[in-house]
Amino acid sequence: MVMVGVVALVLGGCNAEQTAPVHAEQTAPAKTIRTALSPKKTFQFEAPDMPGLLTADNFSAYASGHWISLSKNNSLPGPSAADINCYHEQSSCTEDRADITEWADDFNLRATHEEYQVEQWTEREILASYIDSGTCRMRNTLKIDVVEKRVYLIQRESEPQAGQDSPLSKITGPCNLNEIDLELRNFAMWKK
């Protein structure tokens, strides 16, 4: 379902005249978020300061929306939409995600599926994480704030990296450049 929405965005085209669909209750001021893609182009996201859709109870949780970067020094390479499902009994969360990355005049649309292990489930929040298998071994932590109805994804190094003289550091560079804080926001239209 997420991928269909993103494909519709790509196939329907996007230009500076398009605006995000706004429901009557969405009156929060919009904030323009730019993502650096190439020296000449960026995607812009008119993001109302409204959380993405979130429903949660003692048994399950569901969240849906667009990821936006809260990090000052690191941004997403393009639009990223996600559906998240968590199940208390299985102690797991899944994230189905669609990302668009632009390279010069081309773009790549990629769908991913991630599985998180629930570490904590209370009436106030759900915490789940996984460590990716890449060279930097980044720890991805979902934080679902049930009270505030907000969803965050925090990406940090999971293990100390080898010293600067190590062959590994020459291949990976500083892994902390991959650290990013994201918030799931209400669906809106990306502009190019």
N, C-alpha and C. Protein backbone atom coordinates (compact mmCIF):
# COMPACT_ATOMS: atom_id res chain seq x y z
N MET A 1 0.82 -1.19 0.00
CA MET A 1 0.00 0.00 0.00
C MET A 1 0.86 1.25 0.00
N VAL A 2 1.95 1.24 0.79
CA VAL A 2 2.84 2.39 0.80
C VAL A 2 3.45 2.60 -0.57
N MET A 3 3.91 1.50 -1.19
CA MET A 3 4.56 1.64 -2.47
C MET A 3 3.60 2.18 -3.52
N VAL A 4 2.35 1.78 -3.47
CA VAL A 4 1.37 2.29 -4.42
C VAL A 4 1.27 3.80 -4.30
N GLY A 5 1.24 4.32 -3.06
CA GLY A 5 1.15 5.76 -2.85
C GLY A 5 2.36 6.48 -3.43
N VAL A 6 3.54 5.92 -3.23
CA VAL A 6 4.74 6.56 -3.74
C VAL A 6 4.79 6.45 -5.26
N VAL A 7 4.40 5.30 -5.81
CA VAL A 7 4.38 5.15 -7.26
C VAL A 7 3.40 6.15 -7.87
N ALA A 8 2.25 6.34 -7.24
CA ALA A 8 1.29 7.32 -7.75
C ALA A 8 1.90 8.71 -7.74
N LEU A 9 2.70 9.01 -6.73
CA LEU A 9 3.38 10.31 -6.67
C LEU A 9 4.32 10.46 -7.85
N VAL A 10 5.07 9.40 -8.15
CA VAL A 10 6.03 9.46 -9.25
C VAL A 10 5.31 9.50 -10.59
N LEU A 11 4.35 8.60 -10.79
CA LEU A 11 3.67 8.54 -12.07
C LEU A 11 2.78 9.74 -12.32
N GLY A 12 2.19 10.28 -11.26
CA GLY A 12 1.33 11.45 -11.40
C GLY A 12 2.14 12.72 -11.61
N GLY A 13 3.43 12.64 -11.42
CA GLY A 13 4.29 13.81 -11.56
C GLY A 13 4.17 14.69 -10.34
N CYS A 14 5.14 15.51 -10.13
CA CYS A 14 5.02 16.46 -9.04
C CYS A 14 5.67 17.75 -9.49
N ASN A 15 4.97 18.84 -9.24
CA ASN A 15 5.51 20.14 -9.62
C ASN A 15 5.24 21.12 -8.52
N ALA A 16 5.75 22.29 -8.64
CA ALA A 16 5.65 23.29 -7.58
C ALA A 16 4.22 23.74 -7.33
N GLU A 17 3.30 23.45 -8.25
CA GLU A 17 1.92 23.89 -8.07
C GLU A 17 1.12 22.93 -7.20
N GLN A 18 1.57 21.68 -7.04
CA GLN A 18 0.81 20.72 -6.26
C GLN A 18 0.95 21.02 -4.77
N THR A 19 -0.12 20.77 -4.03
CA THR A 19 -0.07 20.94 -2.59
C THR A 19 -0.58 19.68 -1.93
N ALA A 20 -0.28 19.54 -0.66
CA ALA A 20 -0.69 18.36 0.09
C ALA A 20 -2.18 18.41 0.37
N PRO A 21 -2.84 17.25 0.30
CA PRO A 21 -4.24 17.24 0.70
C PRO A 21 -4.33 17.53 2.19
N VAL A 22 -5.21 18.42 2.58
CA VAL A 22 -5.31 18.82 3.98
C VAL A 22 -6.73 18.59 4.44
N HIS A 23 -6.86 17.90 5.56
CA HIS A 23 -8.16 17.69 6.16
C HIS A 23 -8.50 18.89 7.03
N ALA A 24 -9.76 19.09 7.32
CA ALA A 24 -10.21 20.26 8.08
C ALA A 24 -9.49 20.39 9.41
N GLU A 25 -9.17 19.26 10.08
CA GLU A 25 -8.53 19.34 11.38
C GLU A 25 -7.03 19.60 11.29
N GLN A 26 -6.46 19.62 10.09
CA GLN A 26 -5.03 19.82 9.91
C GLN A 26 -4.74 21.31 9.70
N THR A 27 -4.70 22.04 10.77
CA THR A 27 -4.48 23.47 10.65
C THR A 27 -3.11 23.89 11.15
N ALA A 28 -2.27 22.96 11.53
CA ALA A 28 -0.93 23.30 12.01
C ALA A 28 -0.13 23.92 10.87
N PRO A 29 0.76 24.87 11.17
CA PRO A 29 1.54 25.49 10.10
C PRO A 29 2.48 24.50 9.45
N ALA A 30 2.65 24.64 8.15
CA ALA A 30 3.53 23.75 7.39
C ALA A 30 4.96 24.25 7.48
N LYS A 31 5.89 23.32 7.38
CA LYS A 31 7.30 23.65 7.40
C LYS A 31 7.93 22.99 6.18
N THR A 32 8.70 23.73 5.40
CA THR A 32 9.34 23.17 4.22
C THR A 32 10.62 22.47 4.63
N ILE A 33 10.76 21.23 4.20
CA ILE A 33 11.94 20.44 4.50
C ILE A 33 12.58 20.08 3.18
N ARG A 34 13.84 20.39 3.02
CA ARG A 34 14.55 20.10 1.78
C ARG A 34 15.49 18.93 2.01
N THR A 35 15.64 18.10 1.01
CA THR A 35 16.57 16.99 1.08
C THR A 35 17.55 17.15 -0.08
N ALA A 36 18.83 17.11 0.23
CA ALA A 36 19.85 17.28 -0.80
C ALA A 36 19.98 16.00 -1.61
N LEU A 37 19.82 16.10 -2.91
CA LEU A 37 19.91 14.93 -3.78
C LEU A 37 21.05 15.06 -4.77
N SER A 38 21.19 16.17 -5.37
CA SER A 38 22.26 16.42 -6.31
C SER A 38 22.54 17.92 -6.20
N PRO A 39 23.62 18.39 -6.77
CA PRO A 39 23.92 19.82 -6.63
C PRO A 39 22.80 20.74 -7.13
N LYS A 40 22.00 20.28 -8.09
CA LYS A 40 21.00 21.16 -8.68
C LYS A 40 19.58 20.91 -8.20
N LYS A 41 19.30 19.76 -7.62
CA LYS A 41 17.91 19.39 -7.35
C LYS A 41 17.69 19.05 -5.89
N THR A 42 16.49 19.27 -5.43
CA THR A 42 16.07 18.83 -4.11
C THR A 42 14.60 18.49 -4.16
N PHE A 43 14.18 17.63 -3.25
CA PHE A 43 12.77 17.42 -3.02
C PHE A 43 12.38 18.31 -1.85
N GLN A 44 11.20 18.86 -1.88
CA GLN A 44 10.69 19.65 -0.77
C GLN A 44 9.43 18.97 -0.26
N PHE A 45 9.26 19.00 1.03
CA PHE A 45 8.12 18.38 1.66
C PHE A 45 7.43 19.42 2.52
N GLU A 46 6.23 19.78 2.16
CA GLU A 46 5.47 20.70 2.98
C GLU A 46 4.88 19.87 4.12
N ALA A 47 5.53 19.91 5.26
CA ALA A 47 5.18 19.03 6.36
C ALA A 47 4.44 19.78 7.46
N PRO A 48 3.14 19.55 7.56
CA PRO A 48 2.46 20.13 8.71
C PRO A 48 3.03 19.49 9.96
N ASP A 49 3.12 20.23 11.04
CA ASP A 49 3.66 19.67 12.27
C ASP A 49 2.60 18.77 12.90
N MET A 50 2.25 17.75 12.14
CA MET A 50 1.25 16.79 12.60
C MET A 50 1.85 15.40 12.49
N PRO A 51 1.70 14.61 13.54
CA PRO A 51 2.25 13.26 13.48
C PRO A 51 1.54 12.41 12.43
N GLY A 52 2.22 11.35 12.03
CA GLY A 52 1.59 10.39 11.13
C GLY A 52 0.46 9.68 11.85
N LEU A 53 -0.27 8.89 11.12
CA LEU A 53 -1.36 8.12 11.69
C LEU A 53 -0.80 7.11 12.70
N LEU A 54 -1.40 7.02 13.88
CA LEU A 54 -0.97 6.05 14.88
C LEU A 54 -2.19 5.55 15.65
N THR A 55 -2.34 4.25 15.68
CA THR A 55 -3.33 3.61 16.55
C THR A 55 -2.59 2.56 17.36
N ALA A 56 -2.86 2.51 18.66
CA ALA A 56 -2.16 1.56 19.52
C ALA A 56 -3.05 1.16 20.68
N ASP A 57 -2.93 -0.09 21.09
CA ASP A 57 -3.60 -0.58 22.30
C ASP A 57 -2.66 -1.58 22.97
N ASN A 58 -3.16 -2.40 23.87
CA ASN A 58 -2.31 -3.35 24.59
C ASN A 58 -1.87 -4.53 23.73
N PHE A 59 -2.47 -4.70 22.56
CA PHE A 59 -2.20 -5.86 21.73
C PHE A 59 -1.42 -5.56 20.46
N SER A 60 -1.67 -4.39 19.87
CA SER A 60 -1.02 -4.08 18.60
C SER A 60 -0.91 -2.57 18.42
N ALA A 61 -0.10 -2.20 17.45
CA ALA A 61 0.05 -0.79 17.08
C ALA A 61 0.23 -0.71 15.57
N TYR A 62 -0.28 0.37 14.98
CA TYR A 62 -0.14 0.61 13.55
C TYR A 62 0.18 2.09 13.36
N ALA A 63 1.18 2.36 12.54
CA ALA A 63 1.55 3.75 12.22
C ALA A 63 1.82 3.85 10.73
N SER A 64 1.53 5.03 10.16
CA SER A 64 1.72 5.24 8.74
C SER A 64 2.01 6.71 8.49
N GLY A 65 2.90 7.00 7.55
CA GLY A 65 3.20 8.39 7.21
C GLY A 65 4.50 8.50 6.43
N HIS A 66 5.05 9.72 6.38
CA HIS A 66 6.33 10.01 5.74
C HIS A 66 7.39 10.25 6.81
N TRP A 67 8.57 9.67 6.61
CA TRP A 67 9.69 9.97 7.50
C TRP A 67 10.26 11.32 7.12
N ILE A 68 10.55 12.15 8.12
CA ILE A 68 11.29 13.39 7.90
C ILE A 68 12.46 13.41 8.87
N SER A 69 13.53 14.06 8.48
CA SER A 69 14.73 14.11 9.32
C SER A 69 14.60 15.22 10.36
N LEU A 70 14.95 14.88 11.60
CA LEU A 70 15.05 15.88 12.67
C LEU A 70 16.50 16.29 12.88
N SER A 71 17.42 15.61 12.19
CA SER A 71 18.86 15.86 12.35
C SER A 71 19.27 17.09 11.57
N LYS A 72 20.04 17.96 12.20
CA LYS A 72 20.49 19.19 11.54
C LYS A 72 21.55 18.90 10.48
N ASN A 73 22.39 17.90 10.71
CA ASN A 73 23.51 17.64 9.81
C ASN A 73 23.31 16.46 8.88
N ASN A 74 22.14 15.84 8.92
CA ASN A 74 21.92 14.67 8.08
C ASN A 74 20.46 14.65 7.65
N SER A 75 20.22 14.41 6.37
CA SER A 75 18.85 14.38 5.87
C SER A 75 18.65 13.12 5.05
N LEU A 76 17.41 12.85 4.73
CA LEU A 76 17.09 11.73 3.86
C LEU A 76 17.42 12.11 2.41
N PRO A 77 17.78 11.13 1.58
CA PRO A 77 18.11 11.44 0.19
C PRO A 77 16.89 11.73 -0.68
N GLY A 78 15.68 11.54 -0.14
CA GLY A 78 14.46 11.79 -0.90
C GLY A 78 13.25 11.35 -0.09
N PRO A 79 12.08 11.38 -0.71
CA PRO A 79 10.86 10.99 -0.01
C PRO A 79 10.93 9.56 0.53
N SER A 80 10.36 9.36 1.71
CA SER A 80 10.36 8.05 2.34
C SER A 80 9.04 7.86 3.08
N ALA A 81 8.25 6.88 2.65
CA ALA A 81 6.95 6.60 3.27
C ALA A 81 7.01 5.24 3.96
N ALA A 82 6.29 5.11 5.08
CA ALA A 82 6.37 3.87 5.85
C ALA A 82 5.02 3.47 6.44
N ASP A 83 4.83 2.16 6.55
CA ASP A 83 3.74 1.54 7.31
C ASP A 83 4.42 0.67 8.36
N ILE A 84 4.01 0.83 9.62
CA ILE A 84 4.61 0.09 10.73
C ILE A 84 3.51 -0.69 11.45
N ASN A 85 3.76 -1.96 11.70
CA ASN A 85 2.84 -2.81 12.45
C ASN A 85 3.61 -3.45 13.59
N CYS A 86 3.05 -3.38 14.81
CA CYS A 86 3.66 -4.01 15.98
C CYS A 86 2.65 -4.94 16.63
N TYR A 87 3.14 -6.06 17.14
CA TYR A 87 2.29 -7.05 17.80
C TYR A 87 2.91 -7.43 19.13
N HIS A 88 2.19 -7.14 20.21
CA HIS A 88 2.70 -7.37 21.55
C HIS A 88 3.00 -8.85 21.79
N GLU A 89 2.08 -9.72 21.43
CA GLU A 89 2.24 -11.15 21.69
C GLU A 89 3.48 -11.72 20.99
N GLN A 90 3.78 -11.26 19.79
CA GLN A 90 4.96 -11.75 19.05
C GLN A 90 6.23 -10.96 19.40
N SER A 91 6.09 -9.88 20.18
CA SER A 91 7.23 -9.01 20.53
C SER A 91 7.97 -8.56 19.28
N SER A 92 7.20 -8.15 18.25
CA SER A 92 7.85 -7.73 17.02
C SER A 92 7.12 -6.56 16.37
N CYS A 93 7.88 -5.80 15.60
CA CYS A 93 7.34 -4.73 14.75
C CYS A 93 7.91 -4.94 13.36
N THR A 94 7.15 -4.59 12.35
CA THR A 94 7.64 -4.61 10.99
C THR A 94 7.46 -3.22 10.39
N GLU A 95 8.37 -2.86 9.52
CA GLU A 95 8.28 -1.58 8.79
C GLU A 95 8.37 -1.89 7.31
N ASP A 96 7.34 -1.53 6.57
CA ASP A 96 7.36 -1.60 5.12
C ASP A 96 7.55 -0.17 4.64
N ARG A 97 8.55 0.02 3.80
CA ARG A 97 8.97 1.37 3.46
C ARG A 97 9.23 1.51 1.97
N ALA A 98 8.93 2.68 1.42
CA ALA A 98 9.25 3.01 0.03
C ALA A 98 10.06 4.30 0.03
N ASP A 99 11.20 4.28 -0.65
CA ASP A 99 12.10 5.43 -0.71
C ASP A 99 12.38 5.80 -2.15
N ILE A 100 12.46 7.09 -2.41
CA ILE A 100 12.88 7.58 -3.73
C ILE A 100 14.21 8.30 -3.55
N THR A 101 15.19 7.91 -4.36
CA THR A 101 16.49 8.57 -4.37
C THR A 101 16.76 9.05 -5.78
N GLU A 102 17.17 10.28 -5.91
CA GLU A 102 17.44 10.87 -7.22
C GLU A 102 18.94 10.92 -7.47
N TRP A 103 19.34 10.62 -8.70
CA TRP A 103 20.73 10.72 -9.15
C TRP A 103 20.72 11.47 -10.47
N ALA A 104 21.14 12.71 -10.46
CA ALA A 104 21.13 13.58 -11.65
C ALA A 104 19.70 13.64 -12.19
N ASP A 105 19.46 13.13 -13.40
CA ASP A 105 18.12 13.18 -13.99
C ASP A 105 17.33 11.89 -13.79
N ASP A 106 17.89 10.93 -13.08
CA ASP A 106 17.22 9.65 -12.86
C ASP A 106 16.81 9.52 -11.39
N PHE A 107 15.97 8.53 -11.11
CA PHE A 107 15.62 8.26 -9.73
C PHE A 107 15.51 6.75 -9.53
N ASN A 108 15.60 6.35 -8.27
CA ASN A 108 15.47 4.96 -7.89
C ASN A 108 14.33 4.86 -6.88
N LEU A 109 13.38 3.98 -7.11
CA LEU A 109 12.30 3.70 -6.18
C LEU A 109 12.59 2.35 -5.55
N ARG A 110 12.72 2.33 -4.23
CA ARG A 110 13.11 1.10 -3.54
C ARG A 110 12.14 0.79 -2.41
N ALA A 111 11.69 -0.44 -2.35
CA ALA A 111 10.84 -0.90 -1.25
C ALA A 111 11.68 -1.77 -0.32
N THR A 112 11.50 -1.58 0.99
CA THR A 112 12.23 -2.39 1.97
C THR A 112 11.26 -2.90 3.04
N HIS A 113 11.67 -3.96 3.68
CA HIS A 113 10.91 -4.55 4.78
C HIS A 113 11.90 -4.80 5.92
N GLU A 114 11.65 -4.22 7.07
CA GLU A 114 12.53 -4.40 8.23
C GLU A 114 11.74 -5.04 9.36
N GLU A 115 12.41 -5.87 10.15
CA GLU A 115 11.78 -6.49 11.31
C GLU A 115 12.53 -6.06 12.56
N TYR A 116 11.76 -5.58 13.53
CA TYR A 116 12.28 -5.08 14.80
C TYR A 116 11.86 -6.01 15.93
N GLN A 117 12.72 -6.15 16.94
CA GLN A 117 12.39 -6.90 18.14
C GLN A 117 11.93 -5.91 19.21
N VAL A 118 10.74 -6.14 19.77
CA VAL A 118 10.23 -5.25 20.81
C VAL A 118 11.05 -5.44 22.08
N GLU A 119 11.53 -4.33 22.63
CA GLU A 119 12.31 -4.34 23.87
C GLU A 119 11.47 -3.89 25.06
N GLN A 120 10.47 -3.05 24.78
CA GLN A 120 9.63 -2.53 25.86
C GLN A 120 8.26 -2.19 25.28
N TRP A 121 7.21 -2.56 26.01
CA TRP A 121 5.83 -2.24 25.59
C TRP A 121 5.07 -1.85 26.84
N THR A 122 4.77 -0.57 26.96
CA THR A 122 3.98 -0.08 28.09
C THR A 122 2.79 0.68 27.53
N GLU A 123 1.93 1.14 28.41
CA GLU A 123 0.79 1.94 27.93
C GLU A 123 1.24 3.31 27.43
N ARG A 124 2.48 3.72 27.72
CA ARG A 124 3.00 5.02 27.29
C ARG A 124 3.85 4.96 26.03
N GLU A 125 4.62 3.86 25.85
CA GLU A 125 5.50 3.78 24.68
C GLU A 125 5.85 2.34 24.32
N ILE A 126 6.27 2.22 23.06
CA ILE A 126 6.77 0.94 22.54
C ILE A 126 8.16 1.22 21.99
N LEU A 127 9.14 0.42 22.41
CA LEU A 127 10.50 0.52 21.89
C LEU A 127 10.85 -0.79 21.21
N ALA A 128 11.36 -0.71 19.99
CA ALA A 128 11.76 -1.90 19.24
C ALA A 128 13.01 -1.55 18.44
N SER A 129 13.87 -2.53 18.21
CA SER A 129 15.10 -2.23 17.47
C SER A 129 15.62 -3.44 16.70
N TYR A 130 16.55 -3.16 15.81
CA TYR A 130 17.33 -4.19 15.13
C TYR A 130 18.67 -3.56 14.77
N ILE A 131 19.66 -4.40 14.57
CA ILE A 131 20.98 -3.95 14.14
C ILE A 131 21.16 -4.40 12.71
N ASP A 132 21.42 -3.44 11.80
CA ASP A 132 21.54 -3.82 10.38
C ASP A 132 22.83 -4.59 10.14
N SER A 133 22.88 -5.27 9.02
CA SER A 133 24.00 -6.14 8.72
C SER A 133 25.11 -5.45 7.93
N GLY A 134 24.99 -4.14 7.72
CA GLY A 134 26.01 -3.40 6.97
C GLY A 134 27.32 -3.30 7.73
N THR A 135 28.31 -2.75 7.08
CA THR A 135 29.64 -2.62 7.66
C THR A 135 29.62 -1.81 8.94
N CYS A 136 28.80 -0.77 9.00
CA CYS A 136 28.76 0.09 10.18
C CYS A 136 27.93 -0.49 11.33
N ARG A 137 27.14 -1.54 11.07
CA ARG A 137 26.33 -2.18 12.11
C ARG A 137 25.53 -1.14 12.89
N MET A 138 24.67 -0.43 12.17
CA MET A 138 23.85 0.62 12.79
C MET A 138 22.68 0.01 13.54
N ARG A 139 22.40 0.55 14.73
CA ARG A 139 21.25 0.14 15.54
C ARG A 139 20.09 1.07 15.18
N ASN A 140 18.99 0.50 14.72
CA ASN A 140 17.79 1.24 14.34
C ASN A 140 16.75 1.02 15.43
N THR A 141 16.32 2.09 16.09
CA THR A 141 15.37 1.99 17.19
C THR A 141 14.10 2.74 16.86
N LEU A 142 12.98 2.02 16.88
CA LEU A 142 11.66 2.63 16.75
C LEU A 142 11.19 3.04 18.13
N LYS A 143 10.76 4.27 18.26
CA LYS A 143 10.15 4.73 19.51
C LYS A 143 8.75 5.21 19.17
N ILE A 144 7.76 4.50 19.68
CA ILE A 144 6.37 4.86 19.46
C ILE A 144 5.85 5.47 20.75
N ASP A 145 5.63 6.77 20.73
CA ASP A 145 5.12 7.50 21.89
C ASP A 145 3.59 7.47 21.81
N VAL A 146 2.99 6.56 22.56
CA VAL A 146 1.54 6.35 22.50
C VAL A 146 0.80 7.56 23.04
N VAL A 147 1.35 8.22 24.07
CA VAL A 147 0.68 9.37 24.70
C VAL A 147 0.64 10.56 23.74
N GLU A 148 1.78 10.90 23.16
CA GLU A 148 1.87 12.05 22.25
C GLU A 148 1.46 11.70 20.82
N LYS A 149 1.27 10.39 20.56
CA LYS A 149 0.90 9.89 19.23
C LYS A 149 1.96 10.27 18.18
N ARG A 150 3.22 10.05 18.51
CA ARG A 150 4.33 10.32 17.60
C ARG A 150 5.21 9.08 17.48
N VAL A 151 5.83 8.94 16.31
CA VAL A 151 6.70 7.80 16.04
C VAL A 151 8.06 8.33 15.59
N TYR A 152 9.12 7.78 16.17
CA TYR A 152 10.48 8.20 15.85
C TYR A 152 11.31 6.99 15.44
N LEU A 153 12.30 7.22 14.59
CA LEU A 153 13.29 6.21 14.24
C LEU A 153 14.66 6.83 14.49
N ILE A 154 15.43 6.19 15.36
CA ILE A 154 16.74 6.71 15.75
C ILE A 154 17.78 5.71 15.27
N GLN A 155 18.75 6.20 14.50
CA GLN A 155 19.80 5.33 13.96
C GLN A 155 21.14 5.76 14.54
N ARG A 156 21.81 4.84 15.24
CA ARG A 156 23.10 5.10 15.87
C ARG A 156 24.04 3.92 15.65
N GLU A 157 25.34 4.16 15.81
CA GLU A 157 26.31 3.07 15.76
C GLU A 157 26.01 2.10 16.90
N SER A 158 26.08 0.81 16.60
CA SER A 158 25.80 -0.18 17.64
C SER A 158 27.07 -0.64 18.34
N GLU A 159 28.20 -0.49 17.68
CA GLU A 159 29.47 -0.95 18.22
C GLU A 159 30.53 0.10 17.95
N PRO A 160 31.51 0.25 18.83
CA PRO A 160 32.61 1.18 18.53
C PRO A 160 33.33 0.74 17.26
N GLN A 161 33.72 1.69 16.45
CA GLN A 161 34.41 1.36 15.20
C GLN A 161 35.91 1.28 15.44
N ALA A 162 36.58 0.62 14.51
CA ALA A 162 38.02 0.47 14.58
C ALA A 162 38.69 1.83 14.49
N GLY A 163 39.91 1.94 15.00
CA GLY A 163 40.66 3.19 14.96
C GLY A 163 40.90 3.67 13.54
N GLN A 164 41.36 4.92 13.41
CA GLN A 164 41.55 5.53 12.09
C GLN A 164 42.59 4.80 11.25
N ASP A 165 43.51 4.09 11.87
CA ASP A 165 44.55 3.39 11.12
C ASP A 165 44.10 2.01 10.67
N SER A 166 42.92 1.61 11.08
CA SER A 166 42.41 0.28 10.73
C SER A 166 42.00 0.24 9.26
N PRO A 167 42.20 -0.89 8.58
CA PRO A 167 41.74 -1.02 7.18
C PRO A 167 40.22 -0.83 7.08
N LEU A 168 39.48 -1.24 8.11
CA LEU A 168 38.02 -1.09 8.10
C LEU A 168 37.63 0.38 8.04
N SER A 169 38.31 1.24 8.78
CA SER A 169 37.94 2.65 8.79
C SER A 169 38.19 3.31 7.43
N LYS A 170 39.15 2.79 6.68
CA LYS A 170 39.41 3.34 5.35
C LYS A 170 38.31 2.97 4.36
N ILE A 171 37.66 1.84 4.59
CA ILE A 171 36.57 1.40 3.72
C ILE A 171 35.28 2.13 4.07
N THR A 172 34.95 2.19 5.35
CA THR A 172 33.63 2.69 5.76
C THR A 172 33.60 4.19 6.00
N GLY A 173 34.75 4.80 6.29
CA GLY A 173 34.72 6.20 6.69
C GLY A 173 34.07 6.28 8.05
N PRO A 174 33.79 7.49 8.51
CA PRO A 174 33.18 7.61 9.83
C PRO A 174 31.71 7.15 9.78
N CYS A 175 31.44 6.09 10.49
CA CYS A 175 30.08 5.54 10.49
C CYS A 175 29.08 6.49 11.14
N ASN A 176 29.57 7.35 12.03
CA ASN A 176 28.61 8.25 12.70
C ASN A 176 27.99 9.25 11.73
N LEU A 177 28.49 9.34 10.50
CA LEU A 177 27.84 10.18 9.50
C LEU A 177 26.50 9.59 9.08
N ASN A 178 26.30 8.30 9.36
CA ASN A 178 25.04 7.64 9.03
C ASN A 178 23.99 7.82 10.12
N GLU A 179 24.36 8.42 11.25
CA GLU A 179 23.41 8.59 12.34
C GLU A 179 22.36 9.62 11.95
N ILE A 180 21.09 9.30 12.26
CA ILE A 180 20.01 10.19 11.89
C ILE A 180 18.82 9.98 12.83
N ASP A 181 18.06 11.03 13.06
CA ASP A 181 16.83 10.97 13.84
C ASP A 181 15.68 11.33 12.90
N LEU A 182 14.68 10.46 12.84
CA LEU A 182 13.54 10.67 11.95
C LEU A 182 12.25 10.73 12.76
N GLU A 183 11.27 11.45 12.24
CA GLU A 183 9.93 11.43 12.81
C GLU A 183 8.94 11.09 11.70
N LEU A 184 7.96 10.26 12.03
CA LEU A 184 6.92 9.90 11.08
C LEU A 184 5.86 11.00 11.10
N ARG A 185 5.68 11.66 9.96
CA ARG A 185 4.72 12.76 9.87
C ARG A 185 3.56 12.38 8.97
N ASN A 186 2.52 13.17 9.06
CA ASN A 186 1.31 12.96 8.29
C ASN A 186 1.64 12.94 6.80
N PHE A 187 0.90 12.13 6.03
CA PHE A 187 1.12 12.08 4.59
C PHE A 187 0.87 13.45 3.97
N ALA A 188 1.73 13.84 3.09
CA ALA A 188 1.60 15.09 2.36
C ALA A 188 2.33 14.91 1.04
N MET A 189 2.28 15.89 0.20
CA MET A 189 2.89 15.78 -1.13
C MET A 189 4.31 16.32 -1.11
N TRP A 190 5.20 15.60 -1.75
CA TRP A 190 6.57 16.05 -1.96
C TRP A 190 6.59 16.86 -3.25
N LYS A 191 7.38 17.91 -3.27
CA LYS A 191 7.54 18.74 -4.48
C LYS A 191 8.97 18.62 -4.95
N LYS A 192 9.14 18.80 -6.21
CA LYS A 192 10.47 18.76 -6.78
C LYS A 192 10.90 20.16 -7.17
